[in-house]
Protein backbone atom coordinates (compact mmCIF):
# COMPACT_ATOMS: atom_id res chain seq x y z
CA UNK A 1 157.67 385.90 129.60
CA UNK A 2 156.82 382.83 127.50
CA UNK A 3 158.93 380.60 129.76
CA UNK A 4 157.13 381.80 132.89
CA UNK A 5 153.73 381.29 131.25
CA UNK A 6 154.66 377.74 130.11
CA UNK A 7 156.08 376.92 133.55
CA UNK A 8 152.86 378.14 135.19
CA UNK A 9 150.73 375.98 132.87
CA UNK A 10 152.89 372.93 133.56
CA UNK A 11 152.66 373.55 137.33
CA UNK A 12 148.87 373.84 137.16
CA UNK A 13 148.59 370.66 135.02
CA UNK A 14 150.85 368.77 137.42
CA UNK A 15 148.74 369.80 140.41
CA UNK A 16 145.62 368.37 138.75
CA UNK A 17 147.43 365.11 138.04
CA UNK A 18 148.83 364.92 141.54
CA UNK A 19 145.49 364.23 143.20
CA UNK A 20 146.12 361.15 145.30
CA UNK A 21 144.16 358.04 144.49
CA UNK A 22 142.68 356.45 147.58
CA UNK A 23 142.98 352.70 147.79
CA UNK A 24 142.58 350.02 150.40
CA UNK A 25 143.07 346.32 150.99
CA UNK A 26 140.61 343.67 152.05
CA UNK A 27 141.48 340.11 153.07
CA UNK A 28 138.69 338.08 151.48
CA UNK A 29 139.79 334.86 153.19
CA UNK A 30 139.51 336.57 156.57
CA UNK A 31 136.13 338.07 155.69
CA UNK A 32 134.70 334.80 154.41
CA UNK A 33 136.03 332.81 157.39
CA UNK A 34 134.07 335.16 159.64
CA UNK A 35 130.78 334.79 157.76
CA UNK A 36 128.89 331.86 159.31
CA UNK A 37 126.82 331.23 156.16
CA UNK A 38 130.03 330.68 154.18
CA UNK A 39 131.32 328.14 156.69
CA UNK A 40 127.98 326.29 156.65
CA UNK A 41 127.94 326.26 152.83
CA UNK A 42 131.50 324.91 152.79
CA UNK A 43 130.57 322.16 155.23
CA UNK A 44 127.53 321.25 153.15
CA UNK A 45 129.68 321.11 150.00
CA UNK A 46 132.22 318.88 151.76
CA UNK A 47 129.50 316.46 152.87
CA UNK A 48 127.98 316.25 149.39
CA UNK A 49 131.42 315.86 147.82
CA UNK A 50 132.35 313.02 150.19
CA UNK A 51 129.06 311.23 149.51
CA UNK A 52 129.55 311.47 145.74
CA UNK A 53 133.21 310.45 146.01
CA UNK A 54 132.14 307.38 148.00
CA UNK A 55 129.63 306.48 145.28
CA UNK A 56 132.29 306.80 142.56
CA UNK A 57 134.76 304.74 144.63
CA UNK A 58 132.19 301.96 145.11
CA UNK A 59 131.51 301.84 141.37
CA UNK A 60 135.24 301.74 140.71
CA UNK A 61 135.69 298.84 143.14
CA UNK A 62 132.88 296.97 141.39
CA UNK A 63 134.64 297.41 138.05
CA UNK A 64 137.92 296.25 139.57
CA UNK A 65 136.27 293.18 141.10
CA UNK A 66 134.64 292.35 137.77
CA UNK A 67 138.03 292.54 136.07
CA UNK A 68 139.76 290.37 138.69
CA UNK A 69 136.99 287.76 138.44
CA UNK A 70 137.30 287.84 134.66
CA UNK A 71 141.06 287.26 134.87
CA UNK A 72 140.57 284.36 137.29
CA UNK A 73 137.85 282.73 135.14
CA UNK A 74 139.40 283.50 131.74
CA UNK A 75 140.78 280.00 131.11
CA UNK A 76 137.36 278.44 131.67
CA UNK A 77 135.36 280.82 129.45
CA UNK A 78 134.45 280.45 125.81
CA UNK A 79 135.30 283.25 123.38
CA UNK A 80 131.69 284.40 123.43
CA UNK A 81 131.61 284.51 127.25
CA UNK A 82 134.94 286.38 127.31
CA UNK A 83 133.57 288.97 124.93
CA UNK A 84 130.43 289.47 127.04
CA UNK A 85 132.45 289.84 130.24
CA UNK A 86 134.84 292.31 128.58
CA UNK A 87 131.89 294.35 127.34
CA UNK A 88 130.33 294.44 130.81
CA UNK A 89 133.67 295.49 132.37
CA UNK A 90 134.09 298.27 129.79
CA UNK A 91 130.49 299.36 130.42
CA UNK A 92 131.13 299.48 134.18
CA UNK A 93 134.33 301.51 133.70
CA UNK A 94 132.41 303.91 131.44
CA UNK A 95 129.76 304.22 134.14
CA UNK A 96 132.50 305.12 136.65
CA UNK A 97 133.91 307.76 134.29
CA UNK A 98 130.48 309.18 133.48
CA UNK A 99 129.49 309.32 137.14
CA UNK A 100 132.74 311.05 138.09
CA UNK A 101 132.24 313.59 135.28
CA UNK A 102 128.58 314.07 136.23
CA UNK A 103 129.48 314.99 139.80
CA UNK A 104 132.94 316.53 139.53
CA UNK A 105 133.22 317.71 135.92
CA UNK A 106 133.51 321.35 134.86
CA UNK A 107 129.73 321.72 134.70
CA UNK A 108 129.02 318.93 137.17
CA UNK A 109 126.74 318.74 140.15
CA UNK A 110 129.42 319.95 142.58
CA UNK A 111 130.04 323.05 140.46
CA UNK A 112 126.30 323.78 140.29
CA UNK A 113 125.89 323.21 144.03
CA UNK A 114 128.85 325.49 144.79
CA UNK A 115 127.38 328.20 142.57
CA UNK A 116 123.97 327.99 144.20
CA UNK A 117 125.39 328.10 147.74
CA UNK A 118 128.30 330.52 147.33
CA UNK A 119 127.05 333.06 144.80
CA UNK A 120 124.61 334.83 147.18
CA UNK A 121 127.29 335.05 149.87
CA UNK A 122 129.87 336.37 147.41
CA UNK A 123 127.39 338.95 146.11
CA UNK A 124 126.71 340.15 149.67
CA UNK A 125 130.45 340.48 150.33
CA UNK A 126 130.97 342.31 147.03
CA UNK A 127 128.15 344.73 147.84
CA UNK A 128 129.64 345.36 151.30
CA UNK A 129 133.08 346.04 149.80
CA UNK A 130 131.48 348.37 147.26
CA UNK A 131 129.57 350.21 149.99
CA UNK A 132 132.74 350.69 152.06
CA UNK A 133 134.56 351.96 148.96
CA UNK A 134 131.81 354.47 148.20
CA UNK A 135 131.54 355.68 151.80
CA UNK A 136 135.28 356.14 152.25
CA UNK A 137 135.97 357.41 148.73
CA UNK A 138 138.27 354.58 147.63
CA UNK A 139 138.87 354.23 143.91
CA UNK A 140 140.31 350.71 144.27
CA UNK A 141 140.17 347.98 146.88
CA UNK A 142 142.65 345.14 146.37
CA UNK A 143 142.17 341.62 147.68
CA UNK A 144 145.16 340.94 149.91
CA UNK A 145 144.47 337.19 149.98
CA UNK A 146 144.68 336.67 146.22
CA UNK A 147 147.39 339.20 145.42
CA UNK A 148 150.78 337.58 145.71
CA UNK A 149 152.52 340.73 144.58
CA UNK A 150 151.77 342.62 147.82
CA UNK A 151 154.86 342.21 149.97
CA UNK A 152 153.86 344.61 152.72
CA UNK A 153 150.86 346.81 153.37
CA UNK A 154 150.07 348.99 156.30
CA UNK A 155 147.28 347.64 158.50
CA UNK A 156 145.74 351.13 158.39
CA UNK A 157 144.55 350.55 154.82
CA UNK A 158 142.97 347.15 155.56
CA UNK A 159 139.18 347.52 155.52
CA UNK A 160 138.34 343.85 156.21
CA UNK A 161 136.71 344.58 159.57
CA UNK A 162 134.67 347.41 158.06
CA UNK A 163 133.39 345.00 155.40
CA UNK A 164 132.46 342.52 158.14
CA UNK A 165 130.65 345.27 160.01
CA UNK A 166 128.70 346.14 156.82
CA UNK A 167 127.70 342.49 156.61
CA UNK A 168 126.55 342.59 160.23
CA UNK A 169 129.44 340.63 161.72
CA UNK A 170 131.45 342.96 163.93
CA UNK A 171 134.98 342.07 164.92
């Protein structure tokens, strides 16, 4: 009798644990490529980045030209003049480094610009994914684009188009 009772309890406990978890996949690259605001923000970032890179390159060329002129004139300069030229070359190289860091450093202008342009779009996408998950009862939605461990997934569990529809971009 004890064995039957224990077996019944185990069977009941197993049935509670056997509730299937619902999950889905979303391809964030696909979703973002189909959001026009994201493409415009990317284009704007590229333009700003190219402009700043051009500025840094011009400063770098100036420093290089100063150094070449210094090398060519070195035999004609006094020690005092050499020292002044070397200091100005070092100052120009520091300006190049500082400018590069200002624009492209970890907390640089490009990072700030990317945050200001991309964060609202990413929040909208996140909210759309969350809404789809709540409507369909998914406990987890994985990003197919960033997960390299997904070898194969059925297209039936891909909710990318539903996320786009939530954002107002039907496919």
